[in-house]
Amino acid sequence: MWTALGAISAGLSVAFGAFGAHALRERITPENLATFEVGARYQMYHALALIAVGLLAVKIDNPAIRVAGGSFAIGTLLFSGSLYALALTDIRKLGIVTPFGGLAFLIGWAALAVATIKR
């Protein structure tokens, strides 16, 4: 499941990155475009992390590996999703969600470390 979710997220990251580079360049401010690009970049990083979690989950039967996958998925929704929404709408209050996504990413990385160390 994690590998498939990671592959889907990676594909969406490529699509969003292309959308930002081509369709949005003339439609939103340079600052908002940079925000959008950060969302796409972090989505790709964590899509690759999800693929790694999926591959490791085959060999590691540990609840921490599931926490890592779930945290990366939730982090992507909150972090990248809030940055996409912020860039497209310019509603600055949406930025309050972004740190929660970053926290989920940190939890995911810590859980991945725990899962692999305990092995």
Protein backbone atom coordinates (compact mmCIF):
# COMPACT_ATOMS: atom_id res chain seq x y z
CA MET A 1 0.00 0.00 0.00
CA TRP A 2 2.74 2.50 0.92
CA THR A 3 4.63 1.89 -2.31
CA ALA A 4 1.52 2.47 -4.42
CA LEU A 5 0.62 5.59 -2.45
CA GLY A 6 4.18 6.86 -2.87
CA ALA A 7 4.12 6.24 -6.62
CA ILE A 8 0.79 8.06 -6.96
CA SER A 9 2.07 10.95 -4.86
CA ALA A 10 5.27 11.15 -6.94
CA GLY A 11 3.26 11.27 -10.14
CA LEU A 12 1.04 14.02 -8.71
CA SER A 13 4.13 15.93 -7.62
CA VAL A 14 5.46 15.87 -11.18
CA ALA A 15 2.08 17.00 -12.51
CA PHE A 16 1.80 19.79 -9.93
CA GLY A 17 5.38 20.89 -10.59
CA ALA A 18 4.72 21.08 -14.33
CA PHE A 19 1.44 22.91 -13.69
CA GLY A 20 3.27 25.42 -11.52
CA ALA A 21 6.09 25.92 -14.00
CA HIS A 22 3.89 26.33 -17.06
CA ALA A 23 0.33 27.28 -16.17
CA LEU A 24 0.91 29.37 -13.07
CA ARG A 25 4.04 31.31 -13.97
CA GLU A 26 2.09 34.23 -15.45
CA ARG A 27 -0.96 33.92 -13.18
CA ILE A 28 0.38 34.18 -9.63
CA THR A 29 3.04 36.27 -7.92
CA PRO A 30 6.65 35.05 -7.90
CA GLU A 31 6.38 34.62 -4.12
CA ASN A 32 3.30 32.42 -4.45
CA LEU A 33 4.94 30.46 -7.26
CA ALA A 34 7.93 29.79 -5.01
CA THR A 35 5.53 28.62 -2.28
CA PHE A 36 3.82 26.28 -4.76
CA GLU A 37 7.18 24.88 -5.84
CA VAL A 38 8.18 24.16 -2.22
CA GLY A 39 4.95 22.17 -1.87
CA ALA A 40 5.76 20.13 -4.98
CA ARG A 41 9.36 19.54 -3.88
CA TYR A 42 8.41 18.31 -0.41
CA GLN A 43 5.65 16.16 -1.88
CA MET A 44 8.25 14.44 -4.06
CA TYR A 45 10.66 13.94 -1.17
CA HIS A 46 7.98 12.28 0.88
CA ALA A 47 6.59 10.29 -2.04
CA LEU A 48 10.03 8.71 -2.30
CA ALA A 49 9.99 8.18 1.47
CA LEU A 50 6.63 6.39 1.15
CA ILE A 51 8.07 4.12 -1.53
CA ALA A 52 10.98 3.33 0.81
CA VAL A 53 8.52 2.60 3.63
CA GLY A 54 6.62 0.24 1.33
CA LEU A 55 9.76 -1.63 0.40
CA LEU A 56 10.94 -1.82 4.02
CA ALA A 57 7.52 -2.92 5.29
CA VAL A 58 8.00 -6.20 3.42
CA LYS A 59 11.03 -6.98 5.60
CA ILE A 60 10.21 -5.11 8.81
CA ASP A 61 7.08 -6.07 10.74
CA ASN A 62 7.02 -3.22 13.22
CA PRO A 63 4.26 -0.71 14.13
CA ALA A 64 6.80 2.10 13.71
CA ILE A 65 7.00 1.44 9.97
CA ARG A 66 3.24 1.96 9.71
CA VAL A 67 3.51 5.14 11.76
CA ALA A 68 6.19 6.36 9.35
CA GLY A 69 4.02 5.70 6.30
CA GLY A 70 0.95 7.29 7.82
CA SER A 71 2.92 10.31 9.00
CA PHE A 72 4.45 10.86 5.57
CA ALA A 73 1.02 10.62 3.92
CA ILE A 74 -0.65 12.97 6.42
CA GLY A 75 2.33 15.32 6.29
CA THR A 76 2.06 15.54 2.52
CA LEU A 77 -1.63 16.40 2.69
CA LEU A 78 -1.14 19.03 5.38
CA PHE A 79 2.22 20.51 4.36
CA SER A 80 2.10 20.41 0.56
CA GLY A 81 -1.68 20.76 0.42
CA SER A 82 -1.64 23.91 2.54
CA LEU A 83 1.18 25.40 0.45
CA TYR A 84 -0.70 24.67 -2.79
CA ALA A 85 -3.86 26.24 -1.38
CA LEU A 86 -1.95 29.24 -0.02
CA ALA A 87 -0.21 29.85 -3.34
CA LEU A 88 -3.40 29.54 -5.39
CA THR A 89 -5.69 31.57 -3.14
CA ASP A 90 -3.27 33.96 -1.40
CA ILE A 91 -5.22 33.37 1.83
CA ARG A 92 -2.37 33.74 4.32
CA LYS A 93 -4.29 32.11 7.17
CA LEU A 94 -3.90 28.76 5.39
CA GLY A 95 -0.25 28.89 6.40
CA ILE A 96 -1.24 27.93 9.95
CA VAL A 97 -1.72 24.32 8.74
CA THR A 98 1.74 23.99 7.20
CA PRO A 99 3.70 23.45 10.46
CA PHE A 100 1.42 20.54 11.38
CA GLY A 101 2.41 18.88 8.12
CA GLY A 102 6.06 19.54 8.92
CA LEU A 103 5.56 17.97 12.35
CA ALA A 104 4.02 14.91 10.70
CA PHE A 105 7.07 14.66 8.44
CA LEU A 106 9.38 14.79 11.48
CA ILE A 107 7.35 12.10 13.23
CA GLY A 108 7.58 9.98 10.08
CA TRP A 109 11.34 10.27 9.89
CA ALA A 110 11.71 9.48 13.60
CA ALA A 111 9.41 6.47 13.27
CA LEU A 112 11.37 5.24 10.26
CA ALA A 113 14.59 5.51 12.26
CA VAL A 114 13.02 3.62 15.17
CA ALA A 115 11.70 0.89 12.87
CA THR A 116 15.08 0.33 11.27
CA ILE A 117 17.10 0.57 14.50
CA LYS A 118 14.85 -1.92 16.29
CA ARG A 119 15.31 -4.38 13.44
